[in-house]
């Protein structure tokens, strides 16, 4: 099977290449970029020195019609909304890692992303690809909207307990931390070494664009309007996300009930690992892997449920989940090409 990556020179694109390069069902990988065509990828990423076969091609229609089965878009917002429909019309399947197709409402997208939304028809045809929760839809999809990194960690933890009515839906507070690779490859005053070393920053206060994505997916479960308080922070590490969620418990809830709910929800899902009661995950436990590790506790004193979810933002939060969706779309075992254990220490 021949696949393509648009936006191949970014962190998400290179992470896609790392996994697809070892995927037994992928015969060849074409790489596309809008501003660095003709360059070998090794000029930017010397760790790929033995992979000189990978040259960046220009992002042009004529270049994208060479028997490609699936195209991954690891691009900034605004690119996928222009290209996804055309790619689909050429018979290619599309997995979009940007945020262009995640929100079903164009108005909500334009409010949070401050740019024009994709066409309504394209949004209606896109399947939100949270792998563990949308398998049947993904199997039959031609366009996948890959979830954001924060929403992946948050939704995997919250959805089971919310669906089981173990927490009060209007009480959710989410405190999340991410490594700097989540901001992308382009250097900025926010992420360069002098700013981040020995520092800890809050950002996107009340305005982070993943907020409506989280709320949209939670509302699909409870079938009522809800809002969450979601606040991200930037920490001085390259990759990893930890989301800590707090919610008021429903009457009669205890730690055992919460733990049983989570373990039952993911008993057939190989990439979600539920920790024992009292055991909580750290970002290093999933580093470089497609795992999501979740810990849970009930605080009797405050009547609050506490959920802790960790992922690698570049793998389960982006490229790894995209390949998991690629596997599901094509009827492969969803673990294919993703069996790498976490890197530790």
C-alpha atoms as a PDB file:
ATOM      1  CA  UNK A   1       0.000   0.000   0.000  1.00  0.00           C
ATOM      2  CA  UNK A   2       1.290   3.434  -0.947  1.00  0.00           C
ATOM      3  CA  UNK A   3       0.718   6.347   1.437  1.00  0.00           C
ATOM      4  CA  UNK A   4       1.542  10.038   1.458  1.00  0.00           C
ATOM      5  CA  UNK A   5       2.329  12.529   4.199  1.00  0.00           C
ATOM      6  CA  UNK A   6       1.565  16.213   3.680  1.00  0.00           C
ATOM      7  CA  UNK A   7       3.492  18.347   6.142  1.00  0.00           C
ATOM      8  CA  UNK A   8       6.226  15.731   6.351  1.00  0.00           C
ATOM      9  CA  UNK A   9       8.905  18.065   7.680  1.00  0.00           C
ATOM     10  CA  UNK A  10       7.110  18.883  10.940  1.00  0.00           C
ATOM     11  CA  UNK A  11       7.332  16.904  14.169  1.00  0.00           C
ATOM     12  CA  UNK A  12       4.029  15.146  13.483  1.00  0.00           C
ATOM     13  CA  UNK A  13       5.105  14.225   9.956  1.00  0.00           C
ATOM     14  CA  UNK A  14       8.444  12.811  11.052  1.00  0.00           C
ATOM     15  CA  UNK A  15       6.738  10.787  13.770  1.00  0.00           C
ATOM     16  CA  UNK A  16       4.356   9.374  11.162  1.00  0.00           C
ATOM     17  CA  UNK A  17       7.378   8.399   9.076  1.00  0.00           C
ATOM     18  CA  UNK A  18       9.020   6.667  12.063  1.00  0.00           C
ATOM     19  CA  UNK A  19       6.084   4.296  12.497  1.00  0.00           C
ATOM     20  CA  UNK A  20       4.999   3.902   8.854  1.00  0.00           C
ATOM     21  CA  UNK A  21       8.577   3.034   7.881  1.00  0.00           C
ATOM     22  CA  UNK A  22       8.156  -0.203   9.893  1.00  0.00           C
ATOM     23  CA  UNK A  23       4.512  -0.881   8.994  1.00  0.00           C
ATOM     24  CA  UNK A  24       4.264  -4.253   7.234  1.00  0.00           C
ATOM     25  CA  UNK A  25       1.331  -3.153   5.042  1.00  0.00           C
ATOM     26  CA  UNK A  26       2.983   0.042   3.766  1.00  0.00           C
ATOM     27  CA  UNK A  27       4.997  -0.423   0.591  1.00  0.00           C
ATOM     28  CA  UNK A  28       6.147   3.154   0.034  1.00  0.00           C
ATOM     29  CA  UNK A  29       5.770   6.629   1.556  1.00  0.00           C
ATOM     30  CA  UNK A  30       5.689   9.866  -0.416  1.00  0.00           C
ATOM     31  CA  UNK A  31       6.466  13.090   1.452  1.00  0.00           C
ATOM     32  CA  UNK A  32       5.030  16.495   0.565  1.00  0.00           C
ATOM     33  CA  UNK A  33       5.697  20.024   1.735  1.00  0.00           C
ATOM     34  CA  UNK A  34       4.601  23.501   0.701  1.00  0.00           C
ATOM     35  CA  UNK A  35       7.933  25.248   1.144  1.00  0.00           C
ATOM     36  CA  UNK A  36      10.890  22.834   1.207  1.00  0.00           C
ATOM     37  CA  UNK A  37      10.407  20.681  -1.905  1.00  0.00           C
ATOM     38  CA  UNK A  38      13.422  18.978  -3.417  1.00  0.00           C
ATOM     39  CA  UNK A  39      15.253  18.708  -0.111  1.00  0.00           C
ATOM     40  CA  UNK A  40      16.206  15.418   1.443  1.00  0.00           C
ATOM     41  CA  UNK A  41      14.558  15.007   4.813  1.00  0.00           C
ATOM     42  CA  UNK A  42      17.978  14.215   6.289  1.00  0.00           C
ATOM     43  CA  UNK A  43      18.997  17.850   5.771  1.00  0.00           C
ATOM     44  CA  UNK A  44      16.597  18.726   8.579  1.00  0.00           C
ATOM     45  CA  UNK A  45      16.607  15.444  10.483  1.00  0.00           C
ATOM     46  CA  UNK A  46      20.084  13.873  10.477  1.00  0.00           C
ATOM     47  CA  UNK A  47      18.802  10.943  12.539  1.00  0.00           C
ATOM     48  CA  UNK A  48      17.308   9.702   9.228  1.00  0.00           C
ATOM     49  CA  UNK A  49      20.724   9.560   7.584  1.00  0.00           C
ATOM     50  CA  UNK A  50      20.281   6.049   6.165  1.00  0.00           C
ATOM     51  CA  UNK A  51      16.870   6.935   4.713  1.00  0.00           C
ATOM     52  CA  UNK A  52      17.947   9.114   1.781  1.00  0.00           C
ATOM     53  CA  UNK A  53      15.054   7.683  -0.258  1.00  0.00           C
ATOM     54  CA  UNK A  54      12.796  10.232   1.409  1.00  0.00           C
ATOM     55  CA  UNK A  55      12.776  13.468  -0.577  1.00  0.00           C
ATOM     56  CA  UNK A  56      10.287  16.246   0.016  1.00  0.00           C
ATOM     57  CA  UNK A  57       7.989  16.822  -2.952  1.00  0.00           C
ATOM     58  CA  UNK A  58       6.069  20.029  -3.737  1.00  0.00           C
ATOM     59  CA  UNK A  59       2.472  20.162  -2.580  1.00  0.00           C
ATOM     60  CA  UNK A  60       0.836  20.213  -6.013  1.00  0.00           C
ATOM     61  CA  UNK A  61      -2.121  18.317  -7.468  1.00  0.00           C
ATOM     62  CA  UNK A  62      -0.045  16.599 -10.147  1.00  0.00           C
ATOM     63  CA  UNK A  63       2.339  15.228  -7.529  1.00  0.00           C
ATOM     64  CA  UNK A  64      -0.468  13.656  -5.499  1.00  0.00           C
ATOM     65  CA  UNK A  65      -2.043  11.438  -8.150  1.00  0.00           C
ATOM     66  CA  UNK A  66       0.452   8.572  -8.221  1.00  0.00           C
ATOM     67  CA  UNK A  67      -1.565   5.595  -6.897  1.00  0.00           C
ATOM     68  CA  UNK A  68      -1.606   6.818  -3.311  1.00  0.00           C
ATOM     69  CA  UNK A  69      -4.128   4.961  -1.163  1.00  0.00           C
ATOM     70  CA  UNK A  70      -4.113   7.098   2.023  1.00  0.00           C
ATOM     71  CA  UNK A  71      -2.863  10.614   2.716  1.00  0.00           C
ATOM     72  CA  UNK A  72      -1.976  11.832   6.198  1.00  0.00           C
ATOM     73  CA  UNK A  73      -2.183  15.609   6.668  1.00  0.00           C
ATOM     74  CA  UNK A  74       0.203  16.706   9.430  1.00  0.00           C
ATOM     75  CA  UNK A  75      -0.375  20.351   8.676  1.00  0.00           C
ATOM     76  CA  UNK A  76      -1.258  23.626  10.390  1.00  0.00           C
ATOM     77  CA  UNK A  77      -4.922  24.690  10.445  1.00  0.00           C
ATOM     78  CA  UNK A  78      -6.247  25.872   7.095  1.00  0.00           C
ATOM     79  CA  UNK A  79      -4.474  23.341   4.843  1.00  0.00           C
ATOM     80  CA  UNK A  80      -6.727  20.325   5.305  1.00  0.00           C
ATOM     81  CA  UNK A  81      -9.909  22.305   4.734  1.00  0.00           C
ATOM     82  CA  UNK A  82      -8.584  23.138   1.257  1.00  0.00           C
ATOM     83  CA  UNK A  83      -7.120  19.752   0.335  1.00  0.00           C
ATOM     84  CA  UNK A  84      -9.195  17.003   1.989  1.00  0.00           C
ATOM     85  CA  UNK A  85     -12.175  17.211  -0.364  1.00  0.00           C
ATOM     86  CA  UNK A  86      -9.974  17.157  -3.457  1.00  0.00           C
ATOM     87  CA  UNK A  87      -7.972  14.193  -2.174  1.00  0.00           C
ATOM     88  CA  UNK A  88     -11.146  12.248  -1.422  1.00  0.00           C
ATOM     89  CA  UNK A  89     -12.496  13.005  -4.905  1.00  0.00           C
ATOM     90  CA  UNK A  90      -9.334  11.461  -6.378  1.00  0.00           C
ATOM     91  CA  UNK A  91     -10.161   8.221  -4.552  1.00  0.00           C
ATOM     92  CA  UNK A  92      -7.697   8.664  -1.712  1.00  0.00           C
ATOM     93  CA  UNK A  93      -8.523   8.169   1.944  1.00  0.00           C
ATOM     94  CA  UNK A  94      -7.670  11.097   4.203  1.00  0.00           C
ATOM     95  CA  UNK A  95      -6.499  11.180   7.817  1.00  0.00           C
ATOM     96  CA  UNK A  96      -6.262  14.780   8.985  1.00  0.00           C
ATOM     97  CA  UNK A  97      -4.092  15.517  12.019  1.00  0.00           C
ATOM     98  CA  UNK A  98      -4.887  19.248  12.042  1.00  0.00           C
ATOM     99  CA  UNK A  99      -7.978  20.683  13.694  1.00  0.00           C
ATOM    100  CA  UNK A 100      -9.804  21.637  10.503  1.00  0.00           C
ATOM    101  CA  UNK A 101     -12.354  18.815  10.503  1.00  0.00           C
ATOM    102  CA  UNK A 102     -12.870  18.056  14.196  1.00  0.00           C
ATOM    103  CA  UNK A 103     -15.658  20.504  14.981  1.00  0.00           C
ATOM    104  CA  UNK A 104     -19.040  19.813  13.403  1.00  0.00           C
ATOM    105  CA  UNK A 105     -20.158  23.444  13.621  1.00  0.00           C
ATOM    106  CA  UNK A 106     -18.466  25.921  11.223  1.00  0.00           C
ATOM    107  CA  UNK A 107     -19.542  28.776  13.499  1.00  0.00           C
ATOM    108  CA  UNK A 108     -17.865  27.227  16.551  1.00  0.00           C
ATOM    109  CA  UNK A 109     -14.703  26.544  14.521  1.00  0.00           C
ATOM    110  CA  UNK A 110     -14.498  30.135  13.309  1.00  0.00           C
ATOM    111  CA  UNK A 111     -15.047  31.471  16.827  1.00  0.00           C
ATOM    112  CA  UNK A 112     -12.193  29.443  18.342  1.00  0.00           C
ATOM    113  CA  UNK A 113      -9.759  29.111  15.429  1.00  0.00           C
ATOM    114  CA  UNK A 114     -10.209  32.656  14.081  1.00  0.00           C
ATOM    115  CA  UNK A 115     -10.255  31.469  10.465  1.00  0.00           C
ATOM    116  CA  UNK A 116     -12.736  30.309   7.854  1.00  0.00           C
ATOM    117  CA  UNK A 117     -14.144  26.844   8.450  1.00  0.00           C
ATOM    118  CA  UNK A 118     -14.137  23.950   5.996  1.00  0.00           C
ATOM    119  CA  UNK A 119     -17.237  23.426   3.882  1.00  0.00           C
ATOM    120  CA  UNK A 120     -20.181  22.018   5.802  1.00  0.00           C
ATOM    121  CA  UNK A 121     -20.376  19.011   3.440  1.00  0.00           C
ATOM    122  CA  UNK A 122     -16.758  18.100   4.219  1.00  0.00           C
ATOM    123  CA  UNK A 123     -17.367  18.368   7.966  1.00  0.00           C
ATOM    124  CA  UNK A 124     -20.436  16.135   7.711  1.00  0.00           C
ATOM    125  CA  UNK A 125     -18.453  13.458   5.872  1.00  0.00           C
ATOM    126  CA  UNK A 126     -15.597  13.435   8.374  1.00  0.00           C
ATOM    127  CA  UNK A 127     -15.478  10.899  11.206  1.00  0.00           C
ATOM    128  CA  UNK A 128     -13.988  11.977  14.525  1.00  0.00           C
ATOM    129  CA  UNK A 129     -11.269   9.383  14.998  1.00  0.00           C
ATOM    130  CA  UNK A 130     -11.002   8.702  18.710  1.00  0.00           C
ATOM    131  CA  UNK A 131      -9.967   5.129  17.983  1.00  0.00           C
ATOM    132  CA  UNK A 132     -11.379   3.378  21.049  1.00  0.00           C
ATOM    133  CA  UNK A 133     -14.774   5.080  20.776  1.00  0.00           C
ATOM    134  CA  UNK A 134     -15.458   5.280  17.033  1.00  0.00           C
ATOM    135  CA  UNK A 135     -14.267   1.960  15.586  1.00  0.00           C
ATOM    136  CA  UNK A 136     -17.401   1.176  13.575  1.00  0.00           C
ATOM    137  CA  UNK A 137     -17.550   4.632  11.999  1.00  0.00           C
ATOM    138  CA  UNK A 138     -13.813   4.593  11.282  1.00  0.00           C
ATOM    139  CA  UNK A 139     -14.081   1.252   9.467  1.00  0.00           C
ATOM    140  CA  UNK A 140     -16.328   2.813   6.829  1.00  0.00           C
ATOM    141  CA  UNK A 141     -14.841   6.323   6.694  1.00  0.00           C
ATOM    142  CA  UNK A 142     -13.039   7.977   3.795  1.00  0.00           C
ATOM    143  CA  UNK A 143     -12.055  11.041   5.849  1.00  0.00           C
ATOM    144  CA  UNK A 144     -10.865  10.886   9.460  1.00  0.00           C
ATOM    145  CA  UNK A 145     -10.526  13.916  11.714  1.00  0.00           C
ATOM    146  CA  UNK A 146      -7.757  12.764  14.045  1.00  0.00           C
ATOM    147  CA  UNK A 147      -8.379  14.073  17.591  1.00  0.00           C
ATOM    148  CA  UNK A 148      -6.202  16.699  19.192  1.00  0.00           C
ATOM    149  CA  UNK A 149      -3.532  15.687  21.683  1.00  0.00           C
ATOM    150  CA  UNK A 150      -5.171  17.171  24.789  1.00  0.00           C
ATOM    151  CA  UNK A 151      -8.653  15.880  23.882  1.00  0.00           C
ATOM    152  CA  UNK A 152      -7.297  12.352  23.353  1.00  0.00           C
ATOM    153  CA  UNK A 153      -5.871  12.157  26.879  1.00  0.00           C
ATOM    154  CA  UNK A 154      -8.884  13.872  28.422  1.00  0.00           C
ATOM    155  CA  UNK A 155     -11.689  12.082  26.599  1.00  0.00           C
ATOM    156  CA  UNK A 156     -10.277   8.592  27.100  1.00  0.00           C
ATOM    157  CA  UNK A 157     -10.424   9.171  30.851  1.00  0.00           C
ATOM    158  CA  UNK A 158     -13.697  11.096  31.102  1.00  0.00           C
ATOM    159  CA  UNK A 159     -15.978   9.368  28.611  1.00  0.00           C
ATOM    160  CA  UNK A 160     -16.473   6.065  30.479  1.00  0.00           C
ATOM    161  CA  UNK A 161     -17.282   7.628  33.854  1.00  0.00           C
ATOM    162  CA  UNK A 162     -19.478  10.294  32.282  1.00  0.00           C
ATOM    163  CA  UNK A 163     -21.391   7.738  30.232  1.00  0.00           C
ATOM    164  CA  UNK A 164     -21.918   5.639  33.382  1.00  0.00           C
ATOM    165  CA  UNK A 165     -23.270   8.701  35.272  1.00  0.00           C
ATOM    166  CA  UNK A 166     -20.557   8.433  37.916  1.00  0.00           C
ATOM    167  CA  UNK A 167     -19.753  12.160  37.826  1.00  0.00           C
ATOM    168  CA  UNK A 168     -21.778  15.356  37.588  1.00  0.00           C
ATOM    169  CA  UNK A 169     -21.374  16.621  34.034  1.00  0.00           C
ATOM    170  CA  UNK A 170     -21.332  20.343  34.851  1.00  0.00           C
ATOM    171  CA  UNK A 171     -18.566  20.063  37.462  1.00  0.00           C
ATOM    172  CA  UNK A 172     -15.587  19.060  35.275  1.00  0.00           C
ATOM    173  CA  UNK A 173     -12.283  20.887  35.734  1.00  0.00           C
ATOM    174  CA  UNK A 174      -9.286  19.868  33.608  1.00  0.00           C
ATOM    175  CA  UNK A 175      -5.710  20.836  34.461  1.00  0.00           C
ATOM    176  CA  UNK A 176      -3.325  19.694  31.696  1.00  0.00           C
ATOM    177  CA  UNK A 177       0.402  19.928  31.012  1.00  0.00           C
ATOM    178  CA  UNK A 178       2.274  19.382  27.748  1.00  0.00           C
ATOM    179  CA  UNK A 179       5.816  19.251  26.451  1.00  0.00           C
ATOM    180  CA  UNK A 180       7.074  21.844  23.983  1.00  0.00           C
ATOM    181  CA  UNK A 181       6.810  19.636  20.870  1.00  0.00           C
ATOM    182  CA  UNK A 182       3.068  20.233  21.053  1.00  0.00           C
ATOM    183  CA  UNK A 183       3.734  23.775  19.839  1.00  0.00           C
ATOM    184  CA  UNK A 184       5.271  22.447  16.617  1.00  0.00           C
ATOM    185  CA  UNK A 185       8.679  22.720  15.027  1.00  0.00           C
ATOM    186  CA  UNK A 186       8.825  26.455  14.332  1.00  0.00           C
ATOM    187  CA  UNK A 187      10.817  28.228  17.060  1.00  0.00           C
ATOM    188  CA  UNK A 188       9.156  30.993  19.030  1.00  0.00           C
ATOM    189  CA  UNK A 189       9.800  33.285  21.968  1.00  0.00           C
ATOM    190  CA  UNK A 190       7.496  31.079  24.028  1.00  0.00           C
ATOM    191  CA  UNK A 191       9.323  27.792  23.495  1.00  0.00           C
ATOM    192  CA  UNK A 192      13.024  28.530  23.032  1.00  0.00           C
ATOM    193  CA  UNK A 193      15.432  27.215  25.661  1.00  0.00           C
ATOM    194  CA  UNK A 194      15.956  30.394  27.674  1.00  0.00           C
ATOM    195  CA  UNK A 195      12.203  30.818  28.089  1.00  0.00           C
ATOM    196  CA  UNK A 196      11.373  27.196  28.953  1.00  0.00           C
ATOM    197  CA  UNK A 197      14.365  25.941  30.931  1.00  0.00           C
ATOM    198  CA  UNK A 198      13.450  25.746  34.637  1.00  0.00           C
ATOM    199  CA  UNK A 199      10.128  27.380  33.847  1.00  0.00           C
ATOM    200  CA  UNK A 200       6.453  26.429  33.901  1.00  0.00           C
ATOM    201  CA  UNK A 201       3.854  28.423  31.937  1.00  0.00           C
ATOM    202  CA  UNK A 202       0.135  28.731  31.697  1.00  0.00           C
ATOM    203  CA  UNK A 203      -1.209  29.595  28.257  1.00  0.00           C
ATOM    204  CA  UNK A 204      -4.455  29.816  26.303  1.00  0.00           C
ATOM    205  CA  UNK A 205      -6.298  30.945  29.415  1.00  0.00           C
ATOM    206  CA  UNK A 206     -10.055  30.488  28.753  1.00  0.00           C
ATOM    207  CA  UNK A 207      -9.312  30.405  25.008  1.00  0.00           C
ATOM    208  CA  UNK A 208      -7.587  27.156  24.035  1.00  0.00           C
ATOM    209  CA  UNK A 209      -8.988  25.807  20.754  1.00  0.00           C
ATOM    210  CA  UNK A 210      -9.245  22.240  22.098  1.00  0.00           C
ATOM    211  CA  UNK A 211     -11.973  23.334  24.534  1.00  0.00           C
ATOM    212  CA  UNK A 212     -14.912  23.096  22.086  1.00  0.00           C
ATOM    213  CA  UNK A 213     -13.572  19.768  20.789  1.00  0.00           C
ATOM    214  CA  UNK A 214     -13.636  18.311  24.294  1.00  0.00           C
ATOM    215  CA  UNK A 215     -17.107  19.691  24.988  1.00  0.00           C
ATOM    216  CA  UNK A 216     -18.482  18.465  21.649  1.00  0.00           C
ATOM    217  CA  UNK A 217     -17.440  14.870  22.300  1.00  0.00           C
ATOM    218  CA  UNK A 218     -18.638  14.873  25.906  1.00  0.00           C
ATOM    219  CA  UNK A 219     -22.011  16.269  24.830  1.00  0.00           C
ATOM    220  CA  UNK A 220     -22.384  13.434  22.328  1.00  0.00           C
ATOM    221  CA  UNK A 221     -22.327  11.039  25.296  1.00  0.00           C
ATOM    222  CA  UNK A 222     -24.580  12.896  27.738  1.00  0.00           C
ATOM    223  CA  UNK A 223     -26.824  14.347  25.005  1.00  0.00           C
ATOM    224  CA  UNK A 224     -27.132  17.674  26.790  1.00  0.00           C
ATOM    225  CA  UNK A 225     -25.317  20.991  26.831  1.00  0.00           C
ATOM    226  CA  UNK A 226     -22.247  21.110  29.048  1.00  0.00           C
ATOM    227  CA  UNK A 227     -19.156  23.222  29.542  1.00  0.00           C
ATOM    228  CA  UNK A 228     -15.809  22.351  31.067  1.00  0.00           C
ATOM    229  CA  UNK A 229     -13.035  24.400  32.601  1.00  0.00           C
ATOM    230  CA  UNK A 230      -9.942  23.414  30.618  1.00  0.00           C
ATOM    231  CA  UNK A 231      -6.558  24.951  31.261  1.00  0.00           C
ATOM    232  CA  UNK A 232      -3.281  23.848  29.605  1.00  0.00           C
ATOM    233  CA  UNK A 233       0.256  24.531  30.785  1.00  0.00           C
ATOM    234  CA  UNK A 234       3.655  24.250  29.117  1.00  0.00           C
ATOM    235  CA  UNK A 235       6.383  22.344  30.949  1.00  0.00           C
ATOM    236  CA  UNK A 236      10.113  22.038  30.133  1.00  0.00           C
ATOM    237  CA  UNK A 237      10.146  18.624  28.461  1.00  0.00           C
ATOM    238  CA  UNK A 238      10.140  17.627  24.793  1.00  0.00           C
ATOM    239  CA  UNK A 239       7.064  15.428  24.702  1.00  0.00           C
ATOM    240  CA  UNK A 240       4.296  14.097  26.873  1.00  0.00           C
ATOM    241  CA  UNK A 241       0.904  15.164  28.230  1.00  0.00           C
ATOM    242  CA  UNK A 242      -0.565  14.748  31.687  1.00  0.00           C
ATOM    243  CA  UNK A 243      -4.214  15.685  32.150  1.00  0.00           C
ATOM    244  CA  UNK A 244      -5.618  15.756  35.680  1.00  0.00           C
ATOM    245  CA  UNK A 245      -9.402  15.960  35.810  1.00  0.00           C
ATOM    246  CA  UNK A 246     -11.627  16.783  38.773  1.00  0.00           C
ATOM    247  CA  UNK A 247     -15.401  16.313  38.954  1.00  0.00           C
ATOM    248  CA  UNK A 248     -18.042  16.070  41.645  1.00  0.00           C
ATOM    249  CA  UNK A 249     -19.031  12.446  42.187  1.00  0.00           C
ATOM    250  CA  UNK A 250     -22.558  11.135  41.785  1.00  0.00           C
ATOM    251  CA  UNK A 251     -24.215   9.747  44.896  1.00  0.00           C
ATOM    252  CA  UNK A 252     -22.742   6.505  46.185  1.00  0.00           C
ATOM    253  CA  UNK A 253     -19.618   6.491  44.018  1.00  0.00           C
ATOM    254  CA  UNK A 254     -16.376   4.963  45.302  1.00  0.00           C
ATOM    255  CA  UNK A 255     -12.907   4.199  43.937  1.00  0.00           C
ATOM    256  CA  UNK A 256     -13.708   0.554  43.201  1.00  0.00           C
ATOM    257  CA  UNK A 257     -16.754   1.498  41.141  1.00  0.00           C
ATOM    258  CA  UNK A 258     -14.765   4.044  39.137  1.00  0.00           C
ATOM    259  CA  UNK A 259     -11.938   1.597  38.529  1.00  0.00           C
ATOM    260  CA  UNK A 260     -14.328  -1.137  37.394  1.00  0.00           C
ATOM    261  CA  UNK A 261     -15.988   1.297  35.017  1.00  0.00           C
ATOM    262  CA  UNK A 262     -12.673   2.146  33.331  1.00  0.00           C
ATOM    263  CA  UNK A 263     -11.333  -1.390  33.150  1.00  0.00           C
ATOM    264  CA  UNK A 264     -14.609  -2.651  31.657  1.00  0.00           C
ATOM    265  CA  UNK A 265     -14.677   0.156  29.098  1.00  0.00           C
ATOM    266  CA  UNK A 266     -11.214  -0.658  27.772  1.00  0.00           C
ATOM    267  CA  UNK A 267     -10.926  -4.405  28.330  1.00  0.00           C
ATOM    268  CA  UNK A 268     -10.622  -4.978  24.563  1.00  0.00           C
ATOM    269  CA  UNK A 269      -8.503  -1.924  23.758  1.00  0.00           C
ATOM    270  CA  UNK A 270      -4.774  -2.699  23.658  1.00  0.00           C
ATOM    271  CA  UNK A 271      -3.500   0.865  23.933  1.00  0.00           C
ATOM    272  CA  UNK A 272      -5.417   2.022  27.028  1.00  0.00           C
ATOM    273  CA  UNK A 273      -3.941   0.775  30.310  1.00  0.00           C
ATOM    274  CA  UNK A 274      -5.857   1.336  33.539  1.00  0.00           C
ATOM    275  CA  UNK A 275      -3.690   1.471  36.642  1.00  0.00           C
ATOM    276  CA  UNK A 276      -4.572  -0.252  39.894  1.00  0.00           C
ATOM    277  CA  UNK A 277      -6.342   1.856  42.509  1.00  0.00           C
ATOM    278  CA  UNK A 278      -3.792   4.145  44.148  1.00  0.00           C
ATOM    279  CA  UNK A 279      -1.278   3.784  41.287  1.00  0.00           C
ATOM    280  CA  UNK A 280      -0.919   6.858  39.077  1.00  0.00           C
ATOM    281  CA  UNK A 281       0.907   7.206  35.750  1.00  0.00           C
ATOM    282  CA  UNK A 282       3.735   9.541  34.763  1.00  0.00           C
ATOM    283  CA  UNK A 283       4.485  10.839  31.276  1.00  0.00           C
ATOM    284  CA  UNK A 284       7.679   8.775  31.121  1.00  0.00           C
ATOM    285  CA  UNK A 285       5.594   5.609  31.368  1.00  0.00           C
ATOM    286  CA  UNK A 286       4.239   6.149  27.819  1.00  0.00           C
ATOM    287  CA  UNK A 287       7.157   8.038  26.222  1.00  0.00           C
ATOM    288  CA  UNK A 288       7.535   7.180  22.518  1.00  0.00           C
ATOM    289  CA  UNK A 289       4.550   4.793  22.543  1.00  0.00           C
ATOM    290  CA  UNK A 290       0.896   4.715  21.531  1.00  0.00           C
ATOM    291  CA  UNK A 291      -0.315   3.959  25.054  1.00  0.00           C
ATOM    292  CA  UNK A 292      -2.650   6.006  27.213  1.00  0.00           C
ATOM    293  CA  UNK A 293      -2.290   5.219  30.936  1.00  0.00           C
ATOM    294  CA  UNK A 294      -5.086   6.246  33.312  1.00  0.00           C
ATOM    295  CA  UNK A 295      -5.275   6.372  37.101  1.00  0.00           C
ATOM    296  CA  UNK A 296      -8.351   7.132  39.191  1.00  0.00           C
ATOM    297  CA  UNK A 297      -9.250   7.979  42.787  1.00  0.00           C
ATOM    298  CA  UNK A 298     -12.245   9.103  44.791  1.00  0.00           C
ATOM    299  CA  UNK A 299     -11.697  11.758  47.461  1.00  0.00           C
ATOM    300  CA  UNK A 300     -14.334  11.176  50.169  1.00  0.00           C
ATOM    301  CA  UNK A 301     -13.472  14.416  51.954  1.00  0.00           C
ATOM    302  CA  UNK A 302     -14.392  16.616  48.965  1.00  0.00           C
ATOM    303  CA  UNK A 303     -16.682  14.152  47.141  1.00  0.00           C
ATOM    304  CA  UNK A 304     -14.567  14.563  44.029  1.00  0.00           C
ATOM    305  CA  UNK A 305     -13.417  12.089  41.412  1.00  0.00           C
ATOM    306  CA  UNK A 306      -9.806  12.531  40.286  1.00  0.00           C
ATOM    307  CA  UNK A 307      -8.647  11.115  36.962  1.00  0.00           C
ATOM    308  CA  UNK A 308      -5.058  11.226  35.714  1.00  0.00           C
ATOM    309  CA  UNK A 309      -4.342  10.462  32.064  1.00  0.00           C
ATOM    310  CA  UNK A 310      -0.961  10.472  30.298  1.00  0.00           C
ATOM    311  CA  UNK A 311      -0.009  10.098  26.628  1.00  0.00           C
ATOM    312  CA  UNK A 312       2.876  10.924  24.337  1.00  0.00           C
ATOM    313  CA  UNK A 313       1.496  13.951  22.511  1.00  0.00           C
ATOM    314  CA  UNK A 314       3.273  13.059  19.254  1.00  0.00           C
ATOM    315  CA  UNK A 315       2.192   9.401  19.256  1.00  0.00           C
ATOM    316  CA  UNK A 316      -1.187   8.613  20.852  1.00  0.00           C
ATOM    317  CA  UNK A 317      -1.892  12.351  20.686  1.00  0.00           C
ATOM    318  CA  UNK A 318      -1.180  12.569  16.953  1.00  0.00           C
ATOM    319  CA  UNK A 319       0.708  10.215  14.634  1.00  0.00           C
ATOM    320  CA  UNK A 320       0.258   6.945  16.531  1.00  0.00           C
ATOM    321  CA  UNK A 321      -3.510   7.372  16.756  1.00  0.00           C
ATOM    322  CA  UNK A 322      -3.561   8.330  13.066  1.00  0.00           C
ATOM    323  CA  UNK A 323      -1.903   5.013  12.204  1.00  0.00           C
ATOM    324  CA  UNK A 324      -4.231   3.183  14.588  1.00  0.00           C
ATOM    325  CA  UNK A 325      -7.114   4.706  12.609  1.00  0.00           C
ATOM    326  CA  UNK A 326      -5.393   3.761   9.340  1.00  0.00           C
ATOM    327  CA  UNK A 327      -5.285   0.167  10.571  1.00  0.00           C
ATOM    328  CA  UNK A 328      -8.959   0.171  11.566  1.00  0.00           C
ATOM    329  CA  UNK A 329     -10.008   1.724   8.226  1.00  0.00           C
ATOM    330  CA  UNK A 330      -8.229  -1.030   6.318  1.00  0.00           C
ATOM    331  CA  UNK A 331      -9.239  -3.997   8.442  1.00  0.00           C
ATOM    332  CA  UNK A 332      -5.753  -4.556   9.868  1.00  0.00           C
ATOM    333  CA  UNK A 333      -5.100  -5.445  13.485  1.00  0.00           C
ATOM    334  CA  UNK A 334      -5.105  -2.017  15.131  1.00  0.00           C
ATOM    335  CA  UNK A 335      -1.745  -2.756  16.797  1.00  0.00           C
ATOM    336  CA  UNK A 336       0.002  -3.211  13.406  1.00  0.00           C
ATOM    337  CA  UNK A 337       3.151  -1.104  13.257  1.00  0.00           C
ATOM    338  CA  UNK A 338       2.507   0.300  16.727  1.00  0.00           C
ATOM    339  CA  UNK A 339       3.906  -2.379  18.990  1.00  0.00           C
ATOM    340  CA  UNK A 340       6.843  -0.315  20.214  1.00  0.00           C
ATOM    341  CA  UNK A 341       7.200  -0.335  23.989  1.00  0.00           C
ATOM    342  CA  UNK A 342       7.654   2.972  25.821  1.00  0.00           C
ATOM    343  CA  UNK A 343      11.202   4.322  26.007  1.00  0.00           C
ATOM    344  CA  UNK A 344      12.502   4.322  29.562  1.00  0.00           C
ATOM    345  CA  UNK A 345      14.189   6.037  31.319  1.00  0.00           C
END
